[in-house]
Amino acid sequence: MSRSVSGGNFVGVYAGDMTTKLAVSLPDELAEQARQAVRDGRAASVSAYIADAMAQSARTRSITGLVADMRAEDGPPGEEDYAWARRALGVE
C-alpha cells in the first residue's frame, strides 16, 4: 500500500508495505531539523524526512560516480568546456 503525501514544499510517496523499521542515533541538531521539517509541512514524518535525505544522498553518489567515469574516459573539462557551460547557463 503506497500513499502520496504532500504539504508545503514536500511531495513524495511513502511505500508503507516496503519498509524496514530501524533505530538510529542522530546528533540533536539533525533530529531537530527533521522535526522542524515535519512541523513546517515539508515532510510527512521524521521517517519520511530521513528516507528522502538518504535517497538524495544515493542520487548524489550516483551522479558523482558518473562524473568520475566521464573524467576517467575523457579527462577533466578544459577552458573551452567551461566557456560553453557559462554560455549555456547564461552566466557569462
PDB file of N, CA and C in Angstrom:
ATOM      1  N   MET A   1       0.835  -1.175   0.000  1.00  0.00           N
ATOM      2  CA  MET A   1       0.000   0.000   0.000  1.00  0.00           C
ATOM      3  C   MET A   1       0.877   1.233   0.000  1.00  0.00           C
ATOM      4  N   SER A   2       0.796   2.046  -1.028  1.00  0.00           N
ATOM      5  CA  SER A   2       1.527   3.304  -1.101  1.00  0.00           C
ATOM      6  C   SER A   2       0.553   4.443  -0.948  1.00  0.00           C
ATOM      7  N   ARG A   3       1.032   5.515  -0.364  1.00  0.00           N
ATOM      8  CA  ARG A   3       0.177   6.689  -0.269  1.00  0.00           C
ATOM      9  C   ARG A   3       0.996   7.921  -0.601  1.00  0.00           C
ATOM     10  N   SER A   4       0.408   8.816  -1.353  1.00  0.00           N
ATOM     11  CA  SER A   4       1.071  10.065  -1.673  1.00  0.00           C
ATOM     12  C   SER A   4       0.921  11.006  -0.499  1.00  0.00           C
ATOM     13  N   VAL A   5       1.961  11.770  -0.278  1.00  0.00           N
ATOM     14  CA  VAL A   5       1.971  12.723   0.817  1.00  0.00           C
ATOM     15  C   VAL A   5       2.394  14.053   0.247  1.00  0.00           C
ATOM     16  N   SER A   6       1.683  15.104   0.580  1.00  0.00           N
ATOM     17  CA  SER A   6       2.108  16.425   0.138  1.00  0.00           C
ATOM     18  C   SER A   6       1.770  17.450   1.202  1.00  0.00           C
ATOM     19  N   GLY A   7       2.541  18.501   1.203  1.00  0.00           N
ATOM     20  CA  GLY A   7       2.314  19.581   2.144  1.00  0.00           C
ATOM     21  C   GLY A   7       3.480  20.539   2.062  1.00  0.00           C
ATOM     22  N   GLY A   8       3.214  21.832   2.094  1.00  0.00           N
ATOM     23  CA  GLY A   8       4.298  22.797   1.994  1.00  0.00           C
ATOM     24  C   GLY A   8       5.076  22.566   0.717  1.00  0.00           C
ATOM     25  N   ASN A   9       6.380  22.425   0.846  1.00  0.00           N
ATOM     26  CA  ASN A   9       7.246  22.193  -0.304  1.00  0.00           C
ATOM     27  C   ASN A   9       7.529  20.719  -0.518  1.00  0.00           C
ATOM     28  N   PHE A  10       6.892  19.856   0.236  1.00  0.00           N
ATOM     29  CA  PHE A  10       7.177  18.419   0.195  1.00  0.00           C
ATOM     30  C   PHE A  10       6.127  17.694  -0.605  1.00  0.00           C
ATOM     31  N   VAL A  11       6.570  16.859  -1.509  1.00  0.00           N
ATOM     32  CA  VAL A  11       5.675  15.941  -2.212  1.00  0.00           C
ATOM     33  C   VAL A  11       6.440  14.639  -2.358  1.00  0.00           C
ATOM     34  N   GLY A  12       5.850  13.538  -1.954  1.00  0.00           N
ATOM     35  CA  GLY A  12       6.548  12.284  -2.068  1.00  0.00           C
ATOM     36  C   GLY A  12       5.615  11.112  -1.939  1.00  0.00           C
ATOM     37  N   VAL A  13       6.149   9.925  -2.090  1.00  0.00           N
ATOM     38  CA  VAL A  13       5.374   8.701  -1.949  1.00  0.00           C
ATOM     39  C   VAL A  13       6.036   7.878  -0.862  1.00  0.00           C
ATOM     40  N   TYR A  14       5.245   7.421   0.065  1.00  0.00           N
ATOM     41  CA  TYR A  14       5.717   6.592   1.155  1.00  0.00           C
ATOM     42  C   TYR A  14       5.179   5.197   0.918  1.00  0.00           C
ATOM     43  N   ALA A  15       6.068   4.247   0.679  1.00  0.00           N
ATOM     44  CA  ALA A  15       5.656   2.875   0.390  1.00  0.00           C
ATOM     45  C   ALA A  15       5.543   2.118   1.705  1.00  0.00           C
ATOM     46  N   GLY A  16       4.363   2.136   2.303  1.00  0.00           N
ATOM     47  CA  GLY A  16       4.151   1.541   3.609  1.00  0.00           C
ATOM     48  C   GLY A  16       4.333   0.041   3.639  1.00  0.00           C
ATOM     49  N   ASP A  17       4.171  -0.644   2.525  1.00  0.00           N
ATOM     50  CA  ASP A  17       4.311  -2.094   2.517  1.00  0.00           C
ATOM     51  C   ASP A  17       5.741  -2.537   2.229  1.00  0.00           C
ATOM     52  N   MET A  18       6.636  -1.609   2.029  1.00  0.00           N
ATOM     53  CA  MET A  18       8.020  -1.944   1.713  1.00  0.00           C
ATOM     54  C   MET A  18       8.957  -1.197   2.655  1.00  0.00           C
ATOM     55  N   THR A  19       8.774  -1.380   3.943  1.00  0.00           N
ATOM     56  CA  THR A  19       9.578  -0.641   4.902  1.00  0.00           C
ATOM     57  C   THR A  19      10.259  -1.590   5.878  1.00  0.00           C
ATOM     58  N   THR A  20      11.355  -1.109   6.430  1.00  0.00           N
ATOM     59  CA  THR A  20      12.064  -1.792   7.500  1.00  0.00           C
ATOM     60  C   THR A  20      12.229  -0.783   8.618  1.00  0.00           C
ATOM     61  N   LYS A  21      11.844  -1.141   9.800  1.00  0.00           N
ATOM     62  CA  LYS A  21      11.960  -0.246  10.932  1.00  0.00           C
ATOM     63  C   LYS A  21      13.368  -0.356  11.514  1.00  0.00           C
ATOM     64  N   LEU A  22      14.020   0.789  11.691  1.00  0.00           N
ATOM     65  CA  LEU A  22      15.364   0.851  12.241  1.00  0.00           C
ATOM     66  C   LEU A  22      15.390   1.825  13.413  1.00  0.00           C
ATOM     67  N   ALA A  23      16.264   1.593  14.327  1.00  0.00           N
ATOM     68  CA  ALA A  23      16.526   2.568  15.395  1.00  0.00           C
ATOM     69  C   ALA A  23      17.887   3.185  15.081  1.00  0.00           C
ATOM     70  N   VAL A  24      17.929   4.490  14.961  1.00  0.00           N
ATOM     71  CA  VAL A  24      19.180   5.181  14.655  1.00  0.00           C
ATOM     72  C   VAL A  24      19.418   6.284  15.669  1.00  0.00           C
ATOM     73  N   SER A  25      20.668   6.645  15.848  1.00  0.00           N
ATOM     74  CA  SER A  25      21.036   7.773  16.699  1.00  0.00           C
ATOM     75  C   SER A  25      21.474   8.911  15.799  1.00  0.00           C
ATOM     76  N   LEU A  26      20.951  10.101  16.071  1.00  0.00           N
ATOM     77  CA  LEU A  26      21.300  11.286  15.288  1.00  0.00           C
ATOM     78  C   LEU A  26      21.792  12.373  16.225  1.00  0.00           C
ATOM     79  N   PRO A  27      22.677  13.223  15.739  1.00  0.00           N
ATOM     80  CA  PRO A  27      23.016  14.404  16.533  1.00  0.00           C
ATOM     81  C   PRO A  27      21.741  15.223  16.777  1.00  0.00           C
ATOM     82  N   ASP A  28      21.655  15.854  17.938  1.00  0.00           N
ATOM     83  CA  ASP A  28      20.461  16.625  18.298  1.00  0.00           C
ATOM     84  C   ASP A  28      20.067  17.625  17.216  1.00  0.00           C
ATOM     85  N   GLU A  29      21.056  18.278  16.614  1.00  0.00           N
ATOM     86  CA  GLU A  29      20.779  19.294  15.585  1.00  0.00           C
ATOM     87  C   GLU A  29      20.061  18.691  14.379  1.00  0.00           C
ATOM     88  N   LEU A  30      20.500  17.508  13.945  1.00  0.00           N
ATOM     89  CA  LEU A  30      19.861  16.868  12.794  1.00  0.00           C
ATOM     90  C   LEU A  30      18.460  16.372  13.137  1.00  0.00           C
ATOM     91  N   ALA A  31      18.291  15.853  14.341  1.00  0.00           N
ATOM     92  CA  ALA A  31      16.962  15.404  14.761  1.00  0.00           C
ATOM     93  C   ALA A  31      15.999  16.587  14.783  1.00  0.00           C
ATOM     94  N   GLU A  32      16.475  17.724  15.262  1.00  0.00           N
ATOM     95  CA  GLU A  32      15.613  18.909  15.308  1.00  0.00           C
ATOM     96  C   GLU A  32      15.284  19.399  13.904  1.00  0.00           C
ATOM     97  N   GLN A  33      16.225  19.309  12.979  1.00  0.00           N
ATOM     98  CA  GLN A  33      15.945  19.700  11.586  1.00  0.00           C
ATOM     99  C   GLN A  33      14.828  18.838  11.011  1.00  0.00           C
ATOM    100  N   ALA A  34      14.873  17.546  11.292  1.00  0.00           N
ATOM    101  CA  ALA A  34      13.836  16.640  10.790  1.00  0.00           C
ATOM    102  C   ALA A  34      12.487  16.978  11.409  1.00  0.00           C
ATOM    103  N   ARG A  35      12.457  17.209  12.710  1.00  0.00           N
ATOM    104  CA  ARG A  35      11.189  17.571  13.372  1.00  0.00           C
ATOM    105  C   ARG A  35      10.641  18.891  12.840  1.00  0.00           C
ATOM    106  N   GLN A  36      11.541  19.849  12.591  1.00  0.00           N
ATOM    107  CA  GLN A  36      11.106  21.145  12.065  1.00  0.00           C
ATOM    108  C   GLN A  36      10.527  20.983  10.669  1.00  0.00           C
ATOM    109  N   ALA A  37      11.111  20.128   9.860  1.00  0.00           N
ATOM    110  CA  ALA A  37      10.577  19.879   8.513  1.00  0.00           C
ATOM    111  C   ALA A  37       9.157  19.337   8.594  1.00  0.00           C
ATOM    112  N   VAL A  38       8.892  18.479   9.579  1.00  0.00           N
ATOM    113  CA  VAL A  38       7.538  17.944   9.760  1.00  0.00           C
ATOM    114  C   VAL A  38       6.600  19.069  10.190  1.00  0.00           C
ATOM    115  N   ARG A  39       7.032  19.874  11.173  1.00  0.00           N
ATOM    116  CA  ARG A  39       6.186  20.983  11.642  1.00  0.00           C
ATOM    117  C   ARG A  39       5.877  21.968  10.519  1.00  0.00           C
ATOM    118  N   ASP A  40       6.869  22.199   9.640  1.00  0.00           N
ATOM    119  CA  ASP A  40       6.703  23.149   8.531  1.00  0.00           C
ATOM    120  C   ASP A  40       5.922  22.556   7.361  1.00  0.00           C
ATOM    121  N   GLY A  41       5.611  21.261   7.425  1.00  0.00           N
ATOM    122  CA  GLY A  41       4.883  20.619   6.331  1.00  0.00           C
ATOM    123  C   GLY A  41       5.766  20.224   5.173  1.00  0.00           C
ATOM    124  N   ARG A  42       7.081  20.210   5.364  1.00  0.00           N
ATOM    125  CA  ARG A  42       8.000  19.816   4.302  1.00  0.00           C
ATOM    126  C   ARG A  42       8.247  18.322   4.289  1.00  0.00           C
ATOM    127  N   ALA A  43       7.766  17.618   5.299  1.00  0.00           N
ATOM    128  CA  ALA A  43       7.885  16.163   5.366  1.00  0.00           C
ATOM    129  C   ALA A  43       6.677  15.636   6.116  1.00  0.00           C
ATOM    130  N   ALA A  44       6.247  14.449   5.743  1.00  0.00           N
ATOM    131  CA  ALA A  44       5.080  13.840   6.383  1.00  0.00           C
ATOM    132  C   ALA A  44       5.411  13.312   7.769  1.00  0.00           C
ATOM    133  N   SER A  45       6.670  12.925   7.967  1.00  0.00           N
ATOM    134  CA  SER A  45       7.108  12.366   9.241  1.00  0.00           C
ATOM    135  C   SER A  45       8.620  12.458   9.310  1.00  0.00           C
ATOM    136  N   VAL A  46       9.164  12.247  10.490  1.00  0.00           N
ATOM    137  CA  VAL A  46      10.616  12.215  10.626  1.00  0.00           C
ATOM    138  C   VAL A  46      11.176  11.074   9.777  1.00  0.00           C
ATOM    139  N   SER A  47      10.510   9.932   9.790  1.00  0.00           N
ATOM    140  CA  SER A  47      10.970   8.799   8.976  1.00  0.00           C
ATOM    141  C   SER A  47      10.988   9.159   7.494  1.00  0.00           C
ATOM    142  N   ALA A  48       9.949   9.831   7.022  1.00  0.00           N
ATOM    143  CA  ALA A  48       9.897  10.224   5.613  1.00  0.00           C
ATOM    144  C   ALA A  48      11.007  11.215   5.289  1.00  0.00           C
ATOM    145  N   TYR A  49      11.284  12.132   6.215  1.00  0.00           N
ATOM    146  CA  TYR A  49      12.349  13.119   6.018  1.00  0.00           C
ATOM    147  C   TYR A  49      13.703  12.413   5.879  1.00  0.00           C
ATOM    148  N   ILE A  50      13.972  11.473   6.763  1.00  0.00           N
ATOM    149  CA  ILE A  50      15.242  10.751   6.731  1.00  0.00           C
ATOM    150  C   ILE A  50      15.328   9.876   5.482  1.00  0.00           C
ATOM    151  N   ALA A  51      14.240   9.218   5.111  1.00  0.00           N
ATOM    152  CA  ALA A  51      14.236   8.399   3.895  1.00  0.00           C
ATOM    153  C   ALA A  51      14.538   9.253   2.669  1.00  0.00           C
ATOM    154  N   ASP A  52      13.946  10.454   2.607  1.00  0.00           N
ATOM    155  CA  ASP A  52      14.199  11.350   1.479  1.00  0.00           C
ATOM    156  C   ASP A  52      15.657  11.783   1.465  1.00  0.00           C
ATOM    157  N   ALA A  53      16.211  12.114   2.628  1.00  0.00           N
ATOM    158  CA  ALA A  53      17.616  12.517   2.701  1.00  0.00           C
ATOM    159  C   ALA A  53      18.535  11.392   2.237  1.00  0.00           C
ATOM    160  N   MET A  54      18.211  10.167   2.617  1.00  0.00           N
ATOM    161  CA  MET A  54      19.023   9.029   2.190  1.00  0.00           C
ATOM    162  C   MET A  54      18.922   8.816   0.684  1.00  0.00           C
ATOM    163  N   ALA A  55      17.732   8.982   0.126  1.00  0.00           N
ATOM    164  CA  ALA A  55      17.543   8.825  -1.318  1.00  0.00           C
ATOM    165  C   ALA A  55      18.318   9.905  -2.073  1.00  0.00           C
ATOM    166  N   GLN A  56      18.283  11.141  -1.563  1.00  0.00           N
ATOM    167  CA  GLN A  56      19.033  12.222  -2.202  1.00  0.00           C
ATOM    168  C   GLN A  56      20.527  11.943  -2.151  1.00  0.00           C
ATOM    169  N   SER A  57      21.001  11.423  -1.033  1.00  0.00           N
ATOM    170  CA  SER A  57      22.410  11.088  -0.892  1.00  0.00           C
ATOM    171  C   SER A  57      22.816  10.014  -1.901  1.00  0.00           C
ATOM    172  N   ALA A  58      21.964   9.019  -2.077  1.00  0.00           N
ATOM    173  CA  ALA A  58      22.258   7.952  -3.043  1.00  0.00           C
ATOM    174  C   ALA A  58      22.322   8.508  -4.464  1.00  0.00           C
ATOM    175  N   ARG A  59      21.397   9.423  -4.796  1.00  0.00           N
ATOM    176  CA  ARG A  59      21.409  10.030  -6.138  1.00  0.00           C
ATOM    177  C   ARG A  59      22.682  10.844  -6.338  1.00  0.00           C
ATOM    178  N   THR A  60      23.099  11.574  -5.305  1.00  0.00           N
ATOM    179  CA  THR A  60      24.313  12.388  -5.403  1.00  0.00           C
ATOM    180  C   THR A  60      25.533  11.502  -5.626  1.00  0.00           C
ATOM    181  N   ARG A  61      25.616  10.405  -4.874  1.00  0.00           N
ATOM    182  CA  ARG A  61      26.738   9.482  -5.060  1.00  0.00           C
ATOM    183  C   ARG A  61      26.722   8.895  -6.462  1.00  0.00           C
ATOM    184  N   SER A  62      25.538   8.614  -6.988  1.00  0.00           N
ATOM    185  CA  SER A  62      25.416   8.063  -8.328  1.00  0.00           C
ATOM    186  C   SER A  62      25.909   9.074  -9.369  1.00  0.00           C
ATOM    187  N   ILE A  63      25.525  10.321  -9.214  1.00  0.00           N
ATOM    188  CA  ILE A  63      25.958  11.378 -10.143  1.00  0.00           C
ATOM    189  C   ILE A  63      27.459  11.597 -10.021  1.00  0.00           C
ATOM    190  N   THR A  64      27.969  11.585  -8.793  1.00  0.00           N
ATOM    191  CA  THR A  64      29.406  11.756  -8.577  1.00  0.00           C
ATOM    192  C   THR A  64      30.185  10.645  -9.274  1.00  0.00           C
ATOM    193  N   GLY A  65      29.665   9.419  -9.186  1.00  0.00           N
ATOM    194  CA  GLY A  65      30.305   8.296  -9.871  1.00  0.00           C
ATOM    195  C   GLY A  65      30.288   8.470 -11.378  1.00  0.00           C
ATOM    196  N   LEU A  66      29.178   8.953 -11.909  1.00  0.00           N
ATOM    197  CA  LEU A  66      29.067   9.188 -13.347  1.00  0.00           C
ATOM    198  C   LEU A  66      30.091  10.221 -13.806  1.00  0.00           C
ATOM    199  N   VAL A  67      30.204  11.316 -13.052  1.00  0.00           N
ATOM    200  CA  VAL A  67      31.175  12.361 -13.410  1.00  0.00           C
ATOM    201  C   VAL A  67      32.594  11.802 -13.342  1.00  0.00           C
ATOM    202  N   ALA A  68      32.888  10.998 -12.327  1.00  0.00           N
ATOM    203  CA  ALA A  68      34.221  10.398 -12.212  1.00  0.00           C
ATOM    204  C   ALA A  68      34.502   9.494 -13.418  1.00  0.00           C
ATOM    205  N   ASP A  69      33.516   8.717 -13.833  1.00  0.00           N
ATOM    206  CA  ASP A  69      33.683   7.855 -15.009  1.00  0.00           C
ATOM    207  C   ASP A  69      33.927   8.686 -16.264  1.00  0.00           C
ATOM    208  N   MET A  70      33.175   9.775 -16.405  1.00  0.00           N
ATOM    209  CA  MET A  70      33.347  10.638 -17.581  1.00  0.00           C
ATOM    210  C   MET A  70      34.742  11.256 -17.600  1.00  0.00           C
ATOM    211  N   ARG A  71      35.206  11.699 -16.428  1.00  0.00           N
ATOM    212  CA  ARG A  71      36.548  12.290 -16.361  1.00  0.00           C
ATOM    213  C   ARG A  71      37.617  11.246 -16.668  1.00  0.00           C
ATOM    214  N   ALA A  72      37.418  10.028 -16.193  1.00  0.00           N
ATOM    215  CA  ALA A  72      38.390   8.970 -16.452  1.00  0.00           C
ATOM    216  C   ALA A  72      38.452   8.659 -17.943  1.00  0.00           C
ATOM    217  N   GLU A  73      37.301   8.723 -18.598  1.00  0.00           N
ATOM    218  CA  GLU A  73      37.233   8.401 -20.025  1.00  0.00           C
ATOM    219  C   GLU A  73      37.706   9.557 -20.894  1.00  0.00           C
ATOM    220  N   ASP A  74      37.283  10.782 -20.568  1.00  0.00           N
ATOM    221  CA  ASP A  74      37.537  11.935 -21.439  1.00  0.00           C
ATOM    222  C   ASP A  74      38.514  12.949 -20.865  1.00  0.00           C
ATOM    223  N   GLY A  75      38.932  12.778 -19.616  1.00  0.00           N
ATOM    224  CA  GLY A  75      39.797  13.761 -18.976  1.00  0.00           C
ATOM    225  C   GLY A  75      38.963  14.882 -18.382  1.00  0.00           C
ATOM    226  N   PRO A  76      39.607  15.740 -17.607  1.00  0.00           N
ATOM    227  CA  PRO A  76      38.864  16.835 -16.977  1.00  0.00           C
ATOM    228  C   PRO A  76      38.427  17.865 -18.025  1.00  0.00           C
ATOM    229  N   PRO A  77      37.389  18.635 -17.718  1.00  0.00           N
ATOM    230  CA  PRO A  77      36.946  19.662 -18.672  1.00  0.00           C
ATOM    231  C   PRO A  77      38.028  20.721 -18.867  1.00  0.00           C
ATOM    232  N   GLY A  78      38.095  21.211 -20.089  1.00  0.00           N
ATOM    233  CA  GLY A  78      39.043  22.278 -20.404  1.00  0.00           C
ATOM    234  C   GLY A  78      38.350  23.632 -20.367  1.00  0.00           C
ATOM    235  N   GLU A  79      39.103  24.675 -20.622  1.00  0.00           N
ATOM    236  CA  GLU A  79      38.553  26.035 -20.588  1.00  0.00           C
ATOM    237  C   GLU A  79      37.429  26.197 -21.609  1.00  0.00           C
ATOM    238  N   GLU A  80      37.556  25.561 -22.767  1.00  0.00           N
ATOM    239  CA  GLU A  80      36.509  25.624 -23.786  1.00  0.00           C
ATOM    240  C   GLU A  80      35.198  25.023 -23.255  1.00  0.00           C
ATOM    241  N   ASP A  81      35.307  23.936 -22.511  1.00  0.00           N
ATOM    242  CA  ASP A  81      34.123  23.305 -21.912  1.00  0.00           C
ATOM    243  C   ASP A  81      33.458  24.236 -20.897  1.00  0.00           C
ATOM    244  N   TYR A  82      34.290  24.867 -20.060  1.00  0.00           N
ATOM    245  CA  TYR A  82      33.742  25.794 -19.059  1.00  0.00           C
ATOM    246  C   TYR A  82      33.103  27.014 -19.719  1.00  0.00           C
ATOM    247  N   ALA A  83      33.708  27.492 -20.807  1.00  0.00           N
ATOM    248  CA  ALA A  83      33.133  28.637 -21.525  1.00  0.00           C
ATOM    249  C   ALA A  83      31.776  28.253 -22.098  1.00  0.00           C
ATOM    250  N   TRP A  84      31.686  27.063 -22.681  1.00  0.00           N
ATOM    251  CA  TRP A  84      30.391  26.587 -23.200  1.00  0.00           C
ATOM    252  C   TRP A  84      29.355  26.515 -22.087  1.00  0.00           C
ATOM    253  N   ALA A  85      29.744  25.965 -20.945  1.00  0.00           N
ATOM    254  CA  ALA A  85      28.808  25.833 -19.823  1.00  0.00           C
ATOM    255  C   ALA A  85      28.333  27.201 -19.340  1.00  0.00           C
ATOM    256  N   ARG A  86      29.247  28.160 -19.255  1.00  0.00           N
ATOM    257  CA  ARG A  86      28.845  29.516 -18.830  1.00  0.00           C
ATOM    258  C   ARG A  86      27.850  30.113 -19.817  1.00  0.00           C
ATOM    259  N   ARG A  87      28.094  29.920 -21.125  1.00  0.00           N
ATOM    260  CA  ARG A  87      27.137  30.433 -22.135  1.00  0.00           C
ATOM    261  C   ARG A  87      25.800  29.728 -22.002  1.00  0.00           C
ATOM    262  N   ALA A  88      25.832  28.403 -21.860  1.00  0.00           N
ATOM    263  CA  ALA A  88      24.601  27.626 -21.769  1.00  0.00           C
ATOM    264  C   ALA A  88      23.792  28.009 -20.547  1.00  0.00           C
ATOM    265  N   LEU A  89      24.464  28.351 -19.459  1.00  0.00           N
ATOM    266  CA  LEU A  89      23.764  28.733 -18.227  1.00  0.00           C
ATOM    267  C   LEU A  89      23.459  30.221 -18.165  1.00  0.00           C
ATOM    268  N   GLY A  90      23.985  30.976 -19.114  1.00  0.00           N
ATOM    269  CA  GLY A  90      23.746  32.417 -19.142  1.00  0.00           C
ATOM    270  C   GLY A  90      24.417  33.155 -18.003  1.00  0.00           C
ATOM    271  N   VAL A  91      25.604  32.711 -17.627  1.00  0.00           N
ATOM    272  CA  VAL A  91      26.316  33.355 -16.520  1.00  0.00           C
ATOM    273  C   VAL A  91      27.621  33.991 -16.955  1.00  0.00           C
ATOM    274  N   GLU A  92      27.732  34.316 -18.223  1.00  0.00           N
ATOM    275  CA  GLU A  92      28.944  34.984 -18.713  1.00  0.00           C
ATOM    276  C   GLU A  92      28.920  36.447 -18.384  1.00  0.00           C
TER     277      GLU A  92
END
